[in-house]
Structure formats: C-alpha cells, structure tokens
Amino acid sequence: MRILYDLSVEAVRKGDKELARRYISLIIELAGKGRTRPPRYIRRGYCRRCRIPLIPGLTTRYRIVSEGKGSRLVITCIECGWRRRLMIKSKRRLRGDSRAK
C-alpha cells in the first residue's frame, strides 16, 4: 500500500492525476479484499470524493480555524472542494508546573 501511495504522489507531481486516482483506487480495493486498514497517513492522505492524493499547495489548502476552547485544521481539496476537519489538541498546563510560567 505504501508503494502505491508513493507512486500516486509522484504521479500528481508529474501532472498525471488520472493515474494517481487509479493508484488510490487500487489501495482501497486491496484494503477491502485483504480486510485490512491502510495506515493513518494513507487514510488521511487522499480525498474521499475524487480520490486524489492530498499534497499541500498542489491539491490541497490547509487552514487553521480557532474557535472557543479548541482549534481545527481544515484541509480542503482544490480539485473538488471536499473538506476534512481535524481537531488540534492544545497542551494543557498543570497547576504547580514550573514550566507553566
């Protein structure tokens, strides 16, 4: 799966988006037939709608949106407009911790 993902990223960088979509489709088919889950970086590394690898600047736009207690990372696919929102955990400072000052 890792090899196919690397090939799909290379294909997008060379400009062949259809080949990259085919590689991602093969990853999804392999995961289904083998009843395995792809690693997290692969699961988060492609657009669910158009199945293109998410590469910052080429196929995606990253934004940090801060609201209330937490912040979110919003990943937007430039090809189709699909969005993924991930929570960003902030480090909590403990009482009595000398580094908190």
PDB file of N, CA and C in Angstrom:
ATOM      1  N   MET A   1       0.821  -1.190   0.000  1.00  0.00           N
ATOM      2  CA  MET A   1       0.000   0.000   0.000  1.00  0.00           C
ATOM      3  C   MET A   1       0.868   1.258   0.000  1.00  0.00           C
ATOM      4  N   ARG A   2       1.942   1.194   0.757  1.00  0.00           N
ATOM      5  CA  ARG A   2       2.832   2.354   0.842  1.00  0.00           C
ATOM      6  C   ARG A   2       3.442   2.666  -0.520  1.00  0.00           C
ATOM      7  N   ILE A   3       3.813   1.618  -1.251  1.00  0.00           N
ATOM      8  CA  ILE A   3       4.419   1.818  -2.569  1.00  0.00           C
ATOM      9  C   ILE A   3       3.411   2.458  -3.529  1.00  0.00           C
ATOM     10  N   LEU A   4       2.173   1.976  -3.502  1.00  0.00           N
ATOM     11  CA  LEU A   4       1.142   2.554  -4.367  1.00  0.00           C
ATOM     12  C   LEU A   4       0.867   4.013  -4.007  1.00  0.00           C
ATOM     13  N   TYR A   5       0.866   4.311  -2.708  1.00  0.00           N
ATOM     14  CA  TYR A   5       0.642   5.698  -2.290  1.00  0.00           C
ATOM     15  C   TYR A   5       1.783   6.594  -2.766  1.00  0.00           C
ATOM     16  N   ASP A   6       3.018   6.123  -2.617  1.00  0.00           N
ATOM     17  CA  ASP A   6       4.165   6.907  -3.087  1.00  0.00           C
ATOM     18  C   ASP A   6       4.102   7.130  -4.598  1.00  0.00           C
ATOM     19  N   LEU A   7       3.680   6.104  -5.332  1.00  0.00           N
ATOM     20  CA  LEU A   7       3.540   6.243  -6.783  1.00  0.00           C
ATOM     21  C   LEU A   7       2.446   7.258  -7.145  1.00  0.00           C
ATOM     22  N   SER A   8       1.360   7.265  -6.371  1.00  0.00           N
ATOM     23  CA  SER A   8       0.282   8.214  -6.662  1.00  0.00           C
ATOM     24  C   SER A   8       0.732   9.655  -6.404  1.00  0.00           C
ATOM     25  N   VAL A   9       1.526   9.858  -5.351  1.00  0.00           N
ATOM     26  CA  VAL A   9       2.040  11.206  -5.071  1.00  0.00           C
ATOM     27  C   VAL A   9       2.971  11.661  -6.192  1.00  0.00           C
ATOM     28  N   GLU A  10       3.825  10.753  -6.663  1.00  0.00           N
ATOM     29  CA  GLU A  10       4.724  11.092  -7.774  1.00  0.00           C
ATOM     30  C   GLU A  10       3.941  11.415  -9.037  1.00  0.00           C
ATOM     31  N   ALA A  11       2.863  10.661  -9.285  1.00  0.00           N
ATOM     32  CA  ALA A  11       2.056  10.896 -10.483  1.00  0.00           C
ATOM     33  C   ALA A  11       1.406  12.280 -10.449  1.00  0.00           C
ATOM     34  N   VAL A  12       0.927  12.701  -9.282  1.00  0.00           N
ATOM     35  CA  VAL A  12       0.323  14.034  -9.176  1.00  0.00           C
ATOM     36  C   VAL A  12       1.373  15.105  -9.416  1.00  0.00           C
ATOM     37  N   ARG A  13       2.554  14.911  -8.869  1.00  0.00           N
ATOM     38  CA  ARG A  13       3.614  15.911  -9.050  1.00  0.00           C
ATOM     39  C   ARG A  13       4.033  16.025 -10.509  1.00  0.00           C
ATOM     40  N   LYS A  14       3.912  14.917 -11.257  1.00  0.00           N
ATOM     41  CA  LYS A  14       4.240  14.952 -12.686  1.00  0.00           C
ATOM     42  C   LYS A  14       3.077  15.461 -13.526  1.00  0.00           C
ATOM     43  N   GLY A  15       1.880  15.567 -12.924  1.00  0.00           N
ATOM     44  CA  GLY A  15       0.732  16.104 -13.642  1.00  0.00           C
ATOM     45  C   GLY A  15      -0.265  15.067 -14.115  1.00  0.00           C
ATOM     46  N   ASP A  16      -0.050  13.795 -13.821  1.00  0.00           N
ATOM     47  CA  ASP A  16      -0.953  12.735 -14.269  1.00  0.00           C
ATOM     48  C   ASP A  16      -1.922  12.377 -13.142  1.00  0.00           C
ATOM     49  N   LYS A  17      -3.028  13.119 -13.065  1.00  0.00           N
ATOM     50  CA  LYS A  17      -3.970  12.931 -11.962  1.00  0.00           C
ATOM     51  C   LYS A  17      -4.809  11.668 -12.114  1.00  0.00           C
ATOM     52  N   GLU A  18      -5.083  11.256 -13.334  1.00  0.00           N
ATOM     53  CA  GLU A  18      -5.870  10.036 -13.539  1.00  0.00           C
ATOM     54  C   GLU A  18      -5.109   8.799 -13.065  1.00  0.00           C
ATOM     55  N   LEU A  19      -3.820   8.758 -13.324  1.00  0.00           N
ATOM     56  CA  LEU A  19      -3.004   7.641 -12.845  1.00  0.00           C
ATOM     57  C   LEU A  19      -2.956   7.639 -11.320  1.00  0.00           C
ATOM     58  N   ALA A  20      -2.862   8.811 -10.719  1.00  0.00           N
ATOM     59  CA  ALA A  20      -2.855   8.910  -9.259  1.00  0.00           C
ATOM     60  C   ALA A  20      -4.173   8.410  -8.678  1.00  0.00           C
ATOM     61  N   ARG A  21      -5.289   8.743  -9.334  1.00  0.00           N
ATOM     62  CA  ARG A  21      -6.593   8.250  -8.870  1.00  0.00           C
ATOM     63  C   ARG A  21      -6.669   6.730  -8.969  1.00  0.00           C
ATOM     64  N   ARG A  22      -6.095   6.182 -10.004  1.00  0.00           N
ATOM     65  CA  ARG A  22      -6.100   4.726 -10.171  1.00  0.00           C
ATOM     66  C   ARG A  22      -5.302   4.043  -9.061  1.00  0.00           C
ATOM     67  N   TYR A  23      -4.153   4.617  -8.704  1.00  0.00           N
ATOM     68  CA  TYR A  23      -3.353   4.045  -7.619  1.00  0.00           C
ATOM     69  C   TYR A  23      -4.121   4.072  -6.297  1.00  0.00           C
ATOM     70  N   ILE A  24      -4.802   5.168  -6.012  1.00  0.00           N
ATOM     71  CA  ILE A  24      -5.582   5.261  -4.775  1.00  0.00           C
ATOM     72  C   ILE A  24      -6.734   4.263  -4.801  1.00  0.00           C
ATOM     73  N   SER A  25      -7.373   4.092  -5.957  1.00  0.00           N
ATOM     74  CA  SER A  25      -8.445   3.099  -6.069  1.00  0.00           C
ATOM     75  C   SER A  25      -7.920   1.694  -5.810  1.00  0.00           C
ATOM     76  N   LEU A  26      -6.711   1.403  -6.287  1.00  0.00           N
ATOM     77  CA  LEU A  26      -6.111   0.096  -6.027  1.00  0.00           C
ATOM     78  C   LEU A  26      -5.840  -0.106  -4.538  1.00  0.00           C
ATOM     79  N   ILE A  27      -5.411   0.939  -3.850  1.00  0.00           N
ATOM     80  CA  ILE A  27      -5.191   0.837  -2.403  1.00  0.00           C
ATOM     81  C   ILE A  27      -6.495   0.495  -1.696  1.00  0.00           C
ATOM     82  N   ILE A  28      -7.579   1.162  -2.083  1.00  0.00           N
ATOM     83  CA  ILE A  28      -8.878   0.923  -1.456  1.00  0.00           C
ATOM     84  C   ILE A  28      -9.357  -0.497  -1.745  1.00  0.00           C
ATOM     85  N   GLU A  29      -9.160  -0.965  -2.985  1.00  0.00           N
ATOM     86  CA  GLU A  29      -9.546  -2.334  -3.332  1.00  0.00           C
ATOM     87  C   GLU A  29      -8.733  -3.360  -2.553  1.00  0.00           C
ATOM     88  N   LEU A  30      -7.427  -3.138  -2.446  1.00  0.00           N
ATOM     89  CA  LEU A  30      -6.576  -4.062  -1.691  1.00  0.00           C
ATOM     90  C   LEU A  30      -6.979  -4.123  -0.225  1.00  0.00           C
ATOM     91  N   ALA A  31      -7.291  -2.982   0.343  1.00  0.00           N
ATOM     92  CA  ALA A  31      -7.693  -2.953   1.747  1.00  0.00           C
ATOM     93  C   ALA A  31      -9.010  -3.704   1.944  1.00  0.00           C
ATOM     94  N   GLY A  32      -9.913  -3.582   0.989  1.00  0.00           N
ATOM     95  CA  GLY A  32     -11.189  -4.280   1.099  1.00  0.00           C
ATOM     96  C   GLY A  32     -11.060  -5.781   0.935  1.00  0.00           C
ATOM     97  N   LYS A  33     -10.258  -6.200  -0.029  1.00  0.00           N
ATOM     98  CA  LYS A  33     -10.094  -7.634  -0.266  1.00  0.00           C
ATOM     99  C   LYS A  33      -9.282  -8.304   0.828  1.00  0.00           C
ATOM    100  N   GLY A  34      -8.290  -7.589   1.341  1.00  0.00           N
ATOM    101  CA  GLY A  34      -7.446  -8.164   2.379  1.00  0.00           C
ATOM    102  C   GLY A  34      -7.978  -7.952   3.778  1.00  0.00           C
ATOM    103  N   ARG A  35      -9.097  -7.229   3.892  1.00  0.00           N
ATOM    104  CA  ARG A  35      -9.715  -6.895   5.171  1.00  0.00           C
ATOM    105  C   ARG A  35      -8.726  -6.246   6.136  1.00  0.00           C
ATOM    106  N   THR A  36      -7.950  -5.333   5.616  1.00  0.00           N
ATOM    107  CA  THR A  36      -7.000  -4.593   6.436  1.00  0.00           C
ATOM    108  C   THR A  36      -7.279  -3.107   6.284  1.00  0.00           C
ATOM    109  N   ARG A  37      -6.839  -2.358   7.258  1.00  0.00           N
ATOM    110  CA  ARG A  37      -6.960  -0.905   7.166  1.00  0.00           C
ATOM    111  C   ARG A  37      -5.632  -0.336   6.723  1.00  0.00           C
ATOM    112  N   PRO A  38      -5.668   0.585   5.797  1.00  0.00           N
ATOM    113  CA  PRO A  38      -4.418   1.263   5.437  1.00  0.00           C
ATOM    114  C   PRO A  38      -3.913   2.072   6.631  1.00  0.00           C
ATOM    115  N   PRO A  39      -2.625   2.360   6.675  1.00  0.00           N
ATOM    116  CA  PRO A  39      -2.098   3.185   7.763  1.00  0.00           C
ATOM    117  C   PRO A  39      -2.766   4.565   7.785  1.00  0.00           C
ATOM    118  N   ARG A  40      -2.698   5.224   8.920  1.00  0.00           N
ATOM    119  CA  ARG A  40      -3.374   6.503   9.102  1.00  0.00           C
ATOM    120  C   ARG A  40      -2.913   7.551   8.097  1.00  0.00           C
ATOM    121  N   TYR A  41      -1.624   7.590   7.784  1.00  0.00           N
ATOM    122  CA  TYR A  41      -1.149   8.623   6.848  1.00  0.00           C
ATOM    123  C   TYR A  41      -1.719   8.398   5.448  1.00  0.00           C
ATOM    124  N   ILE A  42      -2.050   7.160   5.107  1.00  0.00           N
ATOM    125  CA  ILE A  42      -2.689   6.904   3.811  1.00  0.00           C
ATOM    126  C   ILE A  42      -4.177   7.233   3.895  1.00  0.00           C
ATOM    127  N   ARG A  43      -4.838   6.853   4.981  1.00  0.00           N
ATOM    128  CA  ARG A  43      -6.265   7.146   5.127  1.00  0.00           C
ATOM    129  C   ARG A  43      -6.530   8.643   5.110  1.00  0.00           C
ATOM    130  N   ARG A  44      -5.650   9.418   5.703  1.00  0.00           N
ATOM    131  CA  ARG A  44      -5.820  10.870   5.716  1.00  0.00           C
ATOM    132  C   ARG A  44      -5.159  11.539   4.523  1.00  0.00           C
ATOM    133  N   GLY A  45      -4.507  10.768   3.674  1.00  0.00           N
ATOM    134  CA  GLY A  45      -3.703  11.344   2.611  1.00  0.00           C
ATOM    135  C   GLY A  45      -4.365  11.427   1.256  1.00  0.00           C
ATOM    136  N   TYR A  46      -5.665  11.102   1.168  1.00  0.00           N
ATOM    137  CA  TYR A  46      -6.338  11.239  -0.126  1.00  0.00           C
ATOM    138  C   TYR A  46      -7.744  11.788   0.080  1.00  0.00           C
ATOM    139  N   CYS A  47      -8.264  12.411  -0.962  1.00  0.00           N
ATOM    140  CA  CYS A  47      -9.607  12.983  -0.931  1.00  0.00           C
ATOM    141  C   CYS A  47     -10.627  11.859  -1.050  1.00  0.00           C
ATOM    142  N   ARG A  48     -11.625  11.867  -0.189  1.00  0.00           N
ATOM    143  CA  ARG A  48     -12.647  10.817  -0.208  1.00  0.00           C
ATOM    144  C   ARG A  48     -13.563  10.926  -1.431  1.00  0.00           C
ATOM    145  N   ARG A  49     -13.745  12.125  -1.940  1.00  0.00           N
ATOM    146  CA  ARG A  49     -14.670  12.303  -3.051  1.00  0.00           C
ATOM    147  C   ARG A  49     -14.019  12.025  -4.402  1.00  0.00           C
ATOM    148  N   CYS A  50     -12.864  12.637  -4.664  1.00  0.00           N
ATOM    149  CA  CYS A  50     -12.270  12.488  -6.000  1.00  0.00           C
ATOM    150  C   CYS A  50     -11.052  11.560  -6.011  1.00  0.00           C
ATOM    151  N   ARG A  51     -10.672  11.029  -4.849  1.00  0.00           N
ATOM    152  CA  ARG A  51      -9.592  10.043  -4.728  1.00  0.00           C
ATOM    153  C   ARG A  51      -8.269  10.511  -5.323  1.00  0.00           C
ATOM    154  N   ILE A  52      -7.885  11.715  -4.976  1.00  0.00           N
ATOM    155  CA  ILE A  52      -6.599  12.229  -5.417  1.00  0.00           C
ATOM    156  C   ILE A  52      -5.740  12.451  -4.172  1.00  0.00           C
ATOM    157  N   PRO A  53      -4.447  12.187  -4.233  1.00  0.00           N
ATOM    158  CA  PRO A  53      -3.599  12.391  -3.050  1.00  0.00           C
ATOM    159  C   PRO A  53      -3.586  13.861  -2.629  1.00  0.00           C
ATOM    160  N   LEU A  54      -3.618  14.076  -1.327  1.00  0.00           N
ATOM    161  CA  LEU A  54      -3.641  15.435  -0.797  1.00  0.00           C
ATOM    162  C   LEU A  54      -2.215  15.922  -0.582  1.00  0.00           C
ATOM    163  N   ILE A  55      -1.779  16.830  -1.439  1.00  0.00           N
ATOM    164  CA  ILE A  55      -0.434  17.394  -1.366  1.00  0.00           C
ATOM    165  C   ILE A  55      -0.591  18.899  -1.163  1.00  0.00           C
ATOM    166  N   PRO A  56      -0.061  19.428  -0.054  1.00  0.00           N
ATOM    167  CA  PRO A  56      -0.221  20.864   0.209  1.00  0.00           C
ATOM    168  C   PRO A  56       0.336  21.715  -0.930  1.00  0.00           C
ATOM    169  N   GLY A  57      -0.476  22.649  -1.388  1.00  0.00           N
ATOM    170  CA  GLY A  57      -0.059  23.548  -2.459  1.00  0.00           C
ATOM    171  C   GLY A  57      -0.441  23.064  -3.842  1.00  0.00           C
ATOM    172  N   LEU A  58      -0.423  21.758  -4.070  1.00  0.00           N
ATOM    173  CA  LEU A  58      -0.795  21.218  -5.383  1.00  0.00           C
ATOM    174  C   LEU A  58      -2.265  20.827  -5.436  1.00  0.00           C
ATOM    175  N   THR A  59      -2.713  20.053  -4.470  1.00  0.00           N
ATOM    176  CA  THR A  59      -4.087  19.562  -4.496  1.00  0.00           C
ATOM    177  C   THR A  59      -4.882  19.955  -3.264  1.00  0.00           C
ATOM    178  N   THR A  60      -4.244  20.555  -2.253  1.00  0.00           N
ATOM    179  CA  THR A  60      -4.976  20.916  -1.038  1.00  0.00           C
ATOM    180  C   THR A  60      -4.594  22.294  -0.536  1.00  0.00           C
ATOM    181  N   ARG A  61      -5.488  22.792   0.318  1.00  0.00           N
ATOM    182  CA  ARG A  61      -5.249  24.047   1.023  1.00  0.00           C
ATOM    183  C   ARG A  61      -5.470  23.758   2.506  1.00  0.00           C
ATOM    184  N   TYR A  62      -4.534  24.155   3.340  1.00  0.00           N
ATOM    185  CA  TYR A  62      -4.613  23.939   4.781  1.00  0.00           C
ATOM    186  C   TYR A  62      -4.916  25.267   5.467  1.00  0.00           C
ATOM    187  N   ARG A  63      -5.872  25.253   6.392  1.00  0.00           N
ATOM    188  CA  ARG A  63      -6.218  26.436   7.174  1.00  0.00           C
ATOM    189  C   ARG A  63      -6.394  26.017   8.632  1.00  0.00           C
ATOM    190  N   ILE A  64      -5.993  26.895   9.543  1.00  0.00           N
ATOM    191  CA  ILE A  64      -6.228  26.662  10.963  1.00  0.00           C
ATOM    192  C   ILE A  64      -7.328  27.618  11.398  1.00  0.00           C
ATOM    193  N   VAL A  65      -8.407  27.061  11.952  1.00  0.00           N
ATOM    194  CA  VAL A  65      -9.548  27.841  12.401  1.00  0.00           C
ATOM    195  C   VAL A  65      -9.628  27.698  13.911  1.00  0.00           C
ATOM    196  N   SER A  66      -9.562  28.809  14.624  1.00  0.00           N
ATOM    197  CA  SER A  66      -9.638  28.738  16.082  1.00  0.00           C
ATOM    198  C   SER A  66     -11.022  29.172  16.536  1.00  0.00           C
ATOM    199  N   GLU A  67     -11.626  28.328  17.346  1.00  0.00           N
ATOM    200  CA  GLU A  67     -12.961  28.612  17.864  1.00  0.00           C
ATOM    201  C   GLU A  67     -13.013  28.187  19.323  1.00  0.00           C
ATOM    202  N   GLY A  68     -13.340  29.106  20.193  1.00  0.00           N
ATOM    203  CA  GLY A  68     -13.561  28.770  21.590  1.00  0.00           C
ATOM    204  C   GLY A  68     -12.389  28.066  22.243  1.00  0.00           C
ATOM    205  N   LYS A  69     -12.651  26.875  22.779  1.00  0.00           N
ATOM    206  CA  LYS A  69     -11.630  26.150  23.526  1.00  0.00           C
ATOM    207  C   LYS A  69     -10.590  25.480  22.645  1.00  0.00           C
ATOM    208  N   GLY A  70     -10.963  25.102  21.450  1.00  0.00           N
ATOM    209  CA  GLY A  70     -10.024  24.367  20.613  1.00  0.00           C
ATOM    210  C   GLY A  70      -9.891  24.949  19.226  1.00  0.00           C
ATOM    211  N   SER A  71      -8.936  24.422  18.502  1.00  0.00           N
ATOM    212  CA  SER A  71      -8.722  24.843  17.122  1.00  0.00           C
ATOM    213  C   SER A  71      -8.907  23.646  16.209  1.00  0.00           C
ATOM    214  N   ARG A  72      -9.158  23.931  14.942  1.00  0.00           N
ATOM    215  CA  ARG A  72      -9.318  22.869  13.955  1.00  0.00           C
ATOM    216  C   ARG A  72      -8.415  23.134  12.770  1.00  0.00           C
ATOM    217  N   LEU A  73      -7.936  22.052  12.197  1.00  0.00           N
ATOM    218  CA  LEU A  73      -7.201  22.121  10.947  1.00  0.00           C
ATOM    219  C   LEU A  73      -8.188  21.750   9.851  1.00  0.00           C
ATOM    220  N   VAL A  74      -8.426  22.648   8.911  1.00  0.00           N
ATOM    221  CA  VAL A  74      -9.361  22.395   7.813  1.00  0.00           C
ATOM    222  C   VAL A  74      -8.545  22.147   6.555  1.00  0.00           C
ATOM    223  N   ILE A  75      -8.685  20.939   6.012  1.00  0.00           N
ATOM    224  CA  ILE A  75      -7.979  20.542   4.801  1.00  0.00           C
ATOM    225  C   ILE A  75      -9.002  20.550   3.666  1.00  0.00           C
ATOM    226  N   THR A  76      -8.774  21.361   2.641  1.00  0.00           N
ATOM    227  CA  THR A  76      -9.711  21.497   1.530  1.00  0.00           C
ATOM    228  C   THR A  76      -9.066  20.991   0.248  1.00  0.00           C
ATOM    229  N   CYS A  77      -9.761  20.099  -0.448  1.00  0.00           N
ATOM    230  CA  CYS A  77      -9.295  19.602  -1.741  1.00  0.00           C
ATOM    231  C   CYS A  77      -9.554  20.687  -2.790  1.00  0.00           C
ATOM    232  N   ILE A  78      -8.536  21.054  -3.518  1.00  0.00           N
ATOM    233  CA  ILE A  78      -8.669  22.091  -4.539  1.00  0.00           C
ATOM    234  C   ILE A  78      -9.434  21.564  -5.755  1.00  0.00           C
ATOM    235  N   GLU A  79      -9.336  20.270  -6.018  1.00  0.00           N
ATOM    236  CA  GLU A  79      -9.986  19.676  -7.192  1.00  0.00           C
ATOM    237  C   GLU A  79     -11.510  19.682  -7.081  1.00  0.00           C
ATOM    238  N   CYS A  80     -12.044  19.234  -5.916  1.00  0.00           N
ATOM    239  CA  CYS A  80     -13.491  19.058  -5.817  1.00  0.00           C
ATOM    240  C   CYS A  80     -14.138  19.862  -4.693  1.00  0.00           C
ATOM    241  N   GLY A  81     -13.341  20.448  -3.791  1.00  0.00           N
ATOM    242  CA  GLY A  81     -13.900  21.248  -2.711  1.00  0.00           C
ATOM    243  C   GLY A  81     -14.230  20.472  -1.452  1.00  0.00           C
ATOM    244  N   TRP A  82     -13.917  19.193  -1.394  1.00  0.00           N
ATOM    245  CA  TRP A  82     -14.182  18.367  -0.215  1.00  0.00           C
ATOM    246  C   TRP A  82     -13.345  18.856   0.956  1.00  0.00           C
ATOM    247  N   ARG A  83     -13.915  18.836   2.161  1.00  0.00           N
ATOM    248  CA  ARG A  83     -13.211  19.338   3.339  1.00  0.00           C
ATOM    249  C   ARG A  83     -13.116  18.268   4.413  1.00  0.00           C
ATOM    250  N   ARG A  84     -11.981  18.245   5.070  1.00  0.00           N
ATOM    251  CA  ARG A  84     -11.779  17.398   6.249  1.00  0.00           C
ATOM    252  C   ARG A  84     -11.392  18.318   7.389  1.00  0.00           C
ATOM    253  N   ARG A  85     -12.037  18.125   8.527  1.00  0.00           N
ATOM    254  CA  ARG A  85     -11.760  18.947   9.701  1.00  0.00           C
ATOM    255  C   ARG A  85     -11.172  18.070  10.792  1.00  0.00           C
ATOM    256  N   LEU A  86      -9.991  18.445  11.268  1.00  0.00           N
ATOM    257  CA  LEU A  86      -9.313  17.698  12.320  1.00  0.00           C
ATOM    258  C   LEU A  86      -9.125  18.606  13.524  1.00  0.00           C
ATOM    259  N   MET A  87      -9.421  18.075  14.702  1.00  0.00           N
ATOM    260  CA  MET A  87      -9.221  18.844  15.928  1.00  0.00           C
ATOM    261  C   MET A  87      -7.737  18.908  16.248  1.00  0.00           C
ATOM    262  N   ILE A  88      -7.301  20.063  16.710  1.00  0.00           N
ATOM    263  CA  ILE A  88      -5.927  20.245  17.153  1.00  0.00           C
ATOM    264  C   ILE A  88      -5.970  20.337  18.669  1.00  0.00           C
ATOM    265  N   LYS A  89      -5.312  19.402  19.316  1.00  0.00           N
ATOM    266  CA  LYS A  89      -5.304  19.403  20.773  1.00  0.00           C
ATOM    267  C   LYS A  89      -4.236  20.363  21.272  1.00  0.00           C
ATOM    268  N   SER A  90      -4.620  21.186  22.229  1.00  0.00           N
ATOM    269  CA  SER A  90      -3.646  22.085  22.829  1.00  0.00           C
ATOM    270  C   SER A  90      -3.087  21.423  24.082  1.00  0.00           C
ATOM    271  N   LYS A  91      -1.836  21.700  24.365  1.00  0.00           N
ATOM    272  CA  LYS A  91      -1.217  21.128  25.553  1.00  0.00           C
ATOM    273  C   LYS A  91      -1.738  21.863  26.776  1.00  0.00           C
ATOM    274  N   ARG A  92      -2.212  21.094  27.736  1.00  0.00           N
ATOM    275  CA  ARG A  92      -2.727  21.691  28.961  1.00  0.00           C
ATOM    276  C   ARG A  92      -1.596  21.891  29.945  1.00  0.00           C
ATOM    277  N   ARG A  93      -1.614  22.997  30.606  1.00  0.00           N
ATOM    278  CA  ARG A  93      -0.612  23.271  31.629  1.00  0.00           C
ATOM    279  C   ARG A  93      -1.177  22.860  32.982  1.00  0.00           C
ATOM    280  N   LEU A  94      -0.380  22.156  33.738  1.00  0.00           N
ATOM    281  CA  LEU A  94      -0.815  21.677  35.036  1.00  0.00           C
ATOM    282  C   LEU A  94      -0.513  22.705  36.115  1.00  0.00           C
ATOM    283  N   ARG A  95      -1.329  22.688  37.147  1.00  0.00           N
ATOM    284  CA  ARG A  95      -1.067  23.561  38.293  1.00  0.00           C
ATOM    285  C   ARG A  95       0.200  23.111  38.982  1.00  0.00           C
ATOM    286  N   GLY A  96       0.981  24.057  39.398  1.00  0.00           N
ATOM    287  CA  GLY A  96       2.207  23.733  40.104  1.00  0.00           C
ATOM    288  C   GLY A  96       3.359  23.372  39.193  1.00  0.00           C
ATOM    289  N   ASP A  97       3.124  23.361  37.905  1.00  0.00           N
ATOM    290  CA  ASP A  97       4.191  23.050  36.960  1.00  0.00           C
ATOM    291  C   ASP A  97       5.065  24.287  36.798  1.00  0.00           C
ATOM    292  N   SER A  98       6.349  24.137  37.024  1.00  0.00           N
ATOM    293  CA  SER A  98       7.250  25.288  36.976  1.00  0.00           C
ATOM    294  C   SER A  98       7.407  25.830  35.554  1.00  0.00           C
ATOM    295  N   ARG A  99       7.161  25.011  34.561  1.00  0.00           N
ATOM    296  CA  ARG A  99       7.296  25.454  33.174  1.00  0.00           C
ATOM    297  C   ARG A  99       6.102  26.267  32.716  1.00  0.00           C
ATOM    298  N   ALA A 100       5.035  26.302  33.505  1.00  0.00           N
ATOM    299  CA  ALA A 100       3.805  26.989  33.108  1.00  0.00           C
ATOM    300  C   ALA A 100       3.943  28.504  33.144  1.00  0.00           C
ATOM    301  N   LYS A 101       4.979  29.014  33.775  1.00  0.00           N
ATOM    302  CA  LYS A 101       5.124  30.470  33.922  1.00  0.00           C
ATOM    303  C   LYS A 101       5.690  31.121  32.724  1.00  0.00           C
TER     304      LYS A 101
END
